[in-house]
Amino acid sequence: MEYNQLISQLTPEIYLSLKTAIEIGKWPDGRVLTKDQKASCMEAILCYQSMKLDSQQHSGYMPDQCASSSCLLYTSDAADE
């Protein structure tokens, strides 16, 4: 089975289980994820998000604008003042 086909068949429940495993570093049964397992899970959830979710639902999504119109962004110039 091709990788993209496999990812397209993931259920939302499996996706959330993989995402939780990465967040806490453990499988649901308590076993610790290996470095390779974390990398594989991360690749799978990012691919799933790309295929099935709106961009606002992707991990690490940041809106183009701050919610507050008076929001100031930190810059290195501001730190020198």
N, C-alpha and C. Protein backbone atom coordinates (compact mmCIF):
# COMPACT_ATOMS: atom_id res chain seq x y z
N MET A 1 0.85 -1.17 0.00
CA MET A 1 0.00 0.00 0.00
C MET A 1 0.90 1.24 0.00
N GLU A 2 0.55 2.21 -0.81
CA GLU A 2 1.30 3.46 -0.89
C GLU A 2 1.07 4.29 0.38
N TYR A 3 2.11 5.04 0.77
CA TYR A 3 2.06 5.81 2.01
C TYR A 3 0.87 6.78 2.04
N ASN A 4 0.68 7.55 0.98
CA ASN A 4 -0.42 8.51 0.95
C ASN A 4 -1.78 7.82 1.04
N GLN A 5 -1.89 6.64 0.46
CA GLN A 5 -3.14 5.88 0.56
C GLN A 5 -3.36 5.44 2.01
N LEU A 6 -2.29 5.01 2.66
CA LEU A 6 -2.39 4.62 4.06
C LEU A 6 -2.83 5.79 4.93
N ILE A 7 -2.23 6.95 4.73
CA ILE A 7 -2.58 8.14 5.50
C ILE A 7 -4.03 8.54 5.24
N SER A 8 -4.47 8.46 4.00
CA SER A 8 -5.85 8.85 3.68
C SER A 8 -6.87 7.95 4.35
N GLN A 9 -6.46 6.76 4.77
CA GLN A 9 -7.38 5.83 5.43
C GLN A 9 -7.36 5.93 6.95
N LEU A 10 -6.51 6.80 7.49
CA LEU A 10 -6.50 7.00 8.95
C LEU A 10 -7.82 7.60 9.39
N THR A 11 -8.32 7.11 10.49
CA THR A 11 -9.54 7.69 11.07
C THR A 11 -9.15 8.88 11.94
N PRO A 12 -10.09 9.77 12.21
CA PRO A 12 -9.80 10.87 13.14
C PRO A 12 -9.34 10.36 14.51
N GLU A 13 -9.85 9.23 14.95
CA GLU A 13 -9.46 8.67 16.25
C GLU A 13 -8.00 8.24 16.25
N ILE A 14 -7.56 7.60 15.16
CA ILE A 14 -6.16 7.17 15.06
C ILE A 14 -5.26 8.39 14.97
N TYR A 15 -5.67 9.38 14.18
CA TYR A 15 -4.90 10.63 14.07
C TYR A 15 -4.70 11.25 15.46
N LEU A 16 -5.78 11.37 16.22
CA LEU A 16 -5.68 11.96 17.56
C LEU A 16 -4.83 11.12 18.50
N SER A 17 -4.89 9.80 18.35
CA SER A 17 -4.07 8.92 19.17
C SER A 17 -2.59 9.12 18.85
N LEU A 18 -2.24 9.24 17.57
CA LEU A 18 -0.85 9.50 17.18
C LEU A 18 -0.39 10.86 17.69
N LYS A 19 -1.27 11.85 17.57
CA LYS A 19 -0.93 13.20 18.02
C LYS A 19 -0.70 13.23 19.53
N THR A 20 -1.55 12.56 20.28
CA THR A 20 -1.39 12.48 21.73
C THR A 20 -0.11 11.75 22.10
N ALA A 21 0.19 10.69 21.38
CA ALA A 21 1.42 9.93 21.66
C ALA A 21 2.65 10.82 21.50
N ILE A 22 2.66 11.66 20.49
CA ILE A 22 3.78 12.58 20.30
C ILE A 22 3.82 13.60 21.43
N GLU A 23 2.67 14.13 21.79
CA GLU A 23 2.61 15.17 22.83
C GLU A 23 3.12 14.67 24.18
N ILE A 24 2.76 13.44 24.55
CA ILE A 24 3.16 12.94 25.87
C ILE A 24 4.35 11.99 25.81
N GLY A 25 4.73 11.57 24.60
CA GLY A 25 5.89 10.70 24.44
C GLY A 25 5.64 9.25 24.78
N LYS A 26 4.36 8.87 24.86
CA LYS A 26 4.01 7.49 25.21
C LYS A 26 2.85 7.01 24.36
N TRP A 27 2.81 5.69 24.14
CA TRP A 27 1.66 5.07 23.51
C TRP A 27 0.53 4.98 24.54
N PRO A 28 -0.70 4.75 24.09
CA PRO A 28 -1.82 4.64 25.06
C PRO A 28 -1.60 3.59 26.15
N ASP A 29 -0.80 2.54 25.85
CA ASP A 29 -0.56 1.51 26.86
C ASP A 29 0.60 1.86 27.80
N GLY A 30 1.18 3.06 27.64
CA GLY A 30 2.21 3.51 28.56
C GLY A 30 3.65 3.31 28.08
N ARG A 31 3.84 2.56 26.99
CA ARG A 31 5.20 2.37 26.48
C ARG A 31 5.72 3.68 25.90
N VAL A 32 7.00 3.96 26.11
CA VAL A 32 7.63 5.18 25.62
C VAL A 32 7.91 5.04 24.12
N LEU A 33 7.64 6.13 23.37
CA LEU A 33 7.95 6.14 21.94
C LEU A 33 9.45 6.25 21.73
N THR A 34 9.96 5.53 20.75
CA THR A 34 11.36 5.66 20.38
C THR A 34 11.51 6.91 19.51
N LYS A 35 12.73 7.32 19.29
CA LYS A 35 13.00 8.48 18.44
C LYS A 35 12.43 8.25 17.03
N ASP A 36 12.61 7.05 16.49
CA ASP A 36 12.09 6.73 15.16
C ASP A 36 10.56 6.72 15.13
N GLN A 37 9.94 6.23 16.19
CA GLN A 37 8.48 6.22 16.27
C GLN A 37 7.93 7.64 16.32
N LYS A 38 8.60 8.52 17.08
CA LYS A 38 8.17 9.91 17.15
C LYS A 38 8.25 10.56 15.77
N ALA A 39 9.34 10.30 15.06
CA ALA A 39 9.52 10.87 13.72
C ALA A 39 8.45 10.35 12.76
N SER A 40 8.17 9.06 12.82
CA SER A 40 7.16 8.47 11.93
C SER A 40 5.77 9.00 12.25
N CYS A 41 5.45 9.11 13.53
CA CYS A 41 4.15 9.64 13.94
C CYS A 41 4.00 11.10 13.52
N MET A 42 5.05 11.89 13.70
CA MET A 42 5.00 13.30 13.31
C MET A 42 4.78 13.43 11.81
N GLU A 43 5.49 12.64 11.03
CA GLU A 43 5.31 12.67 9.58
C GLU A 43 3.87 12.30 9.21
N ALA A 44 3.33 11.28 9.87
CA ALA A 44 1.97 10.84 9.59
C ALA A 44 0.94 11.91 9.94
N ILE A 45 1.08 12.55 11.10
CA ILE A 45 0.07 13.55 11.48
C ILE A 45 0.17 14.80 10.60
N LEU A 46 1.38 15.18 10.21
CA LEU A 46 1.51 16.35 9.32
C LEU A 46 0.93 16.05 7.94
N CYS A 47 1.15 14.84 7.45
CA CYS A 47 0.59 14.44 6.16
C CYS A 47 -0.94 14.37 6.25
N TYR A 48 -1.45 13.80 7.34
CA TYR A 48 -2.90 13.73 7.56
C TYR A 48 -3.50 15.13 7.58
N GLN A 49 -2.88 16.04 8.31
CA GLN A 49 -3.37 17.42 8.39
C GLN A 49 -3.41 18.06 7.01
N SER A 50 -2.37 17.84 6.23
CA SER A 50 -2.29 18.39 4.89
C SER A 50 -3.40 17.86 3.99
N MET A 51 -3.73 16.59 4.16
CA MET A 51 -4.74 15.94 3.31
C MET A 51 -6.17 16.24 3.75
N LYS A 52 -6.40 16.30 5.06
CA LYS A 52 -7.78 16.26 5.55
C LYS A 52 -8.25 17.46 6.35
N LEU A 53 -7.35 18.33 6.79
CA LEU A 53 -7.76 19.42 7.67
C LEU A 53 -7.55 20.78 7.02
N ASP A 54 -8.34 21.75 7.44
CA ASP A 54 -8.12 23.14 7.02
C ASP A 54 -6.81 23.63 7.62
N SER A 55 -6.20 24.61 6.99
CA SER A 55 -4.91 25.09 7.46
C SER A 55 -4.96 25.60 8.90
N GLN A 56 -6.11 26.15 9.34
CA GLN A 56 -6.23 26.63 10.72
C GLN A 56 -6.18 25.50 11.74
N GLN A 57 -6.37 24.26 11.30
CA GLN A 57 -6.35 23.11 12.20
C GLN A 57 -4.99 22.41 12.22
N HIS A 58 -4.03 22.91 11.44
CA HIS A 58 -2.71 22.28 11.39
C HIS A 58 -1.91 22.59 12.65
N SER A 59 -1.06 21.66 13.03
CA SER A 59 -0.16 21.88 14.16
C SER A 59 0.73 23.08 13.87
N GLY A 60 0.85 23.97 14.84
CA GLY A 60 1.71 25.13 14.69
C GLY A 60 1.11 26.28 13.91
N TYR A 61 -0.19 26.20 13.60
CA TYR A 61 -0.83 27.27 12.83
C TYR A 61 -0.77 28.58 13.59
N MET A 62 -0.42 29.63 12.87
CA MET A 62 -0.44 30.97 13.43
C MET A 62 -1.19 31.86 12.45
N PRO A 63 -2.20 32.60 12.92
CA PRO A 63 -2.94 33.47 12.02
C PRO A 63 -2.04 34.58 11.46
N ASP A 64 -2.44 35.10 10.31
CA ASP A 64 -1.66 36.15 9.66
C ASP A 64 -1.63 37.43 10.49
N GLN A 65 -2.70 37.69 11.25
CA GLN A 65 -2.77 38.91 12.04
C GLN A 65 -3.02 38.58 13.50
N CYS A 66 -2.54 39.45 14.33
CA CYS A 66 -2.78 39.34 15.76
C CYS A 66 -4.26 39.64 16.03
N ALA A 67 -4.83 39.03 17.03
CA ALA A 67 -6.24 39.25 17.36
C ALA A 67 -6.48 40.70 17.78
N SER A 68 -5.48 41.33 18.35
CA SER A 68 -5.61 42.72 18.78
C SER A 68 -5.00 43.64 17.74
N SER A 69 -5.71 44.68 17.36
CA SER A 69 -5.18 45.61 16.36
C SER A 69 -4.03 46.43 16.93
N SER A 70 -3.88 46.43 18.25
CA SER A 70 -2.79 47.19 18.86
C SER A 70 -1.60 46.30 19.22
N CYS A 71 -1.59 45.10 18.68
CA CYS A 71 -0.53 44.15 18.98
C CYS A 71 0.81 44.64 18.43
N LEU A 72 1.83 44.61 19.26
CA LEU A 72 3.18 44.99 18.84
C LEU A 72 4.02 43.72 18.74
N LEU A 73 4.73 43.58 17.66
CA LEU A 73 5.60 42.44 17.50
C LEU A 73 6.98 42.77 18.04
N TYR A 74 7.61 41.81 18.66
CA TYR A 74 8.95 41.98 19.19
C TYR A 74 9.93 41.97 18.03
N THR A 75 10.80 42.92 17.98
CA THR A 75 11.89 42.94 17.01
C THR A 75 13.18 43.23 17.74
N SER A 76 14.27 42.90 17.12
CA SER A 76 15.55 43.14 17.77
C SER A 76 15.81 44.64 17.93
N ASP A 77 15.23 45.48 17.03
CA ASP A 77 15.37 46.93 17.17
C ASP A 77 14.70 47.43 18.44
N ALA A 78 13.53 46.85 18.76
CA ALA A 78 12.80 47.27 19.96
C ALA A 78 13.58 46.95 21.22
N ALA A 79 14.35 45.88 21.17
CA ALA A 79 15.12 45.48 22.34
C ALA A 79 16.27 46.45 22.62
N ASP A 80 16.76 47.12 21.56
CA ASP A 80 17.88 48.04 21.72
C ASP A 80 17.47 49.38 22.31
N GLU A 81 16.18 49.67 22.31
CA GLU A 81 15.71 50.99 22.79
C GLU A 81 15.72 51.09 24.29
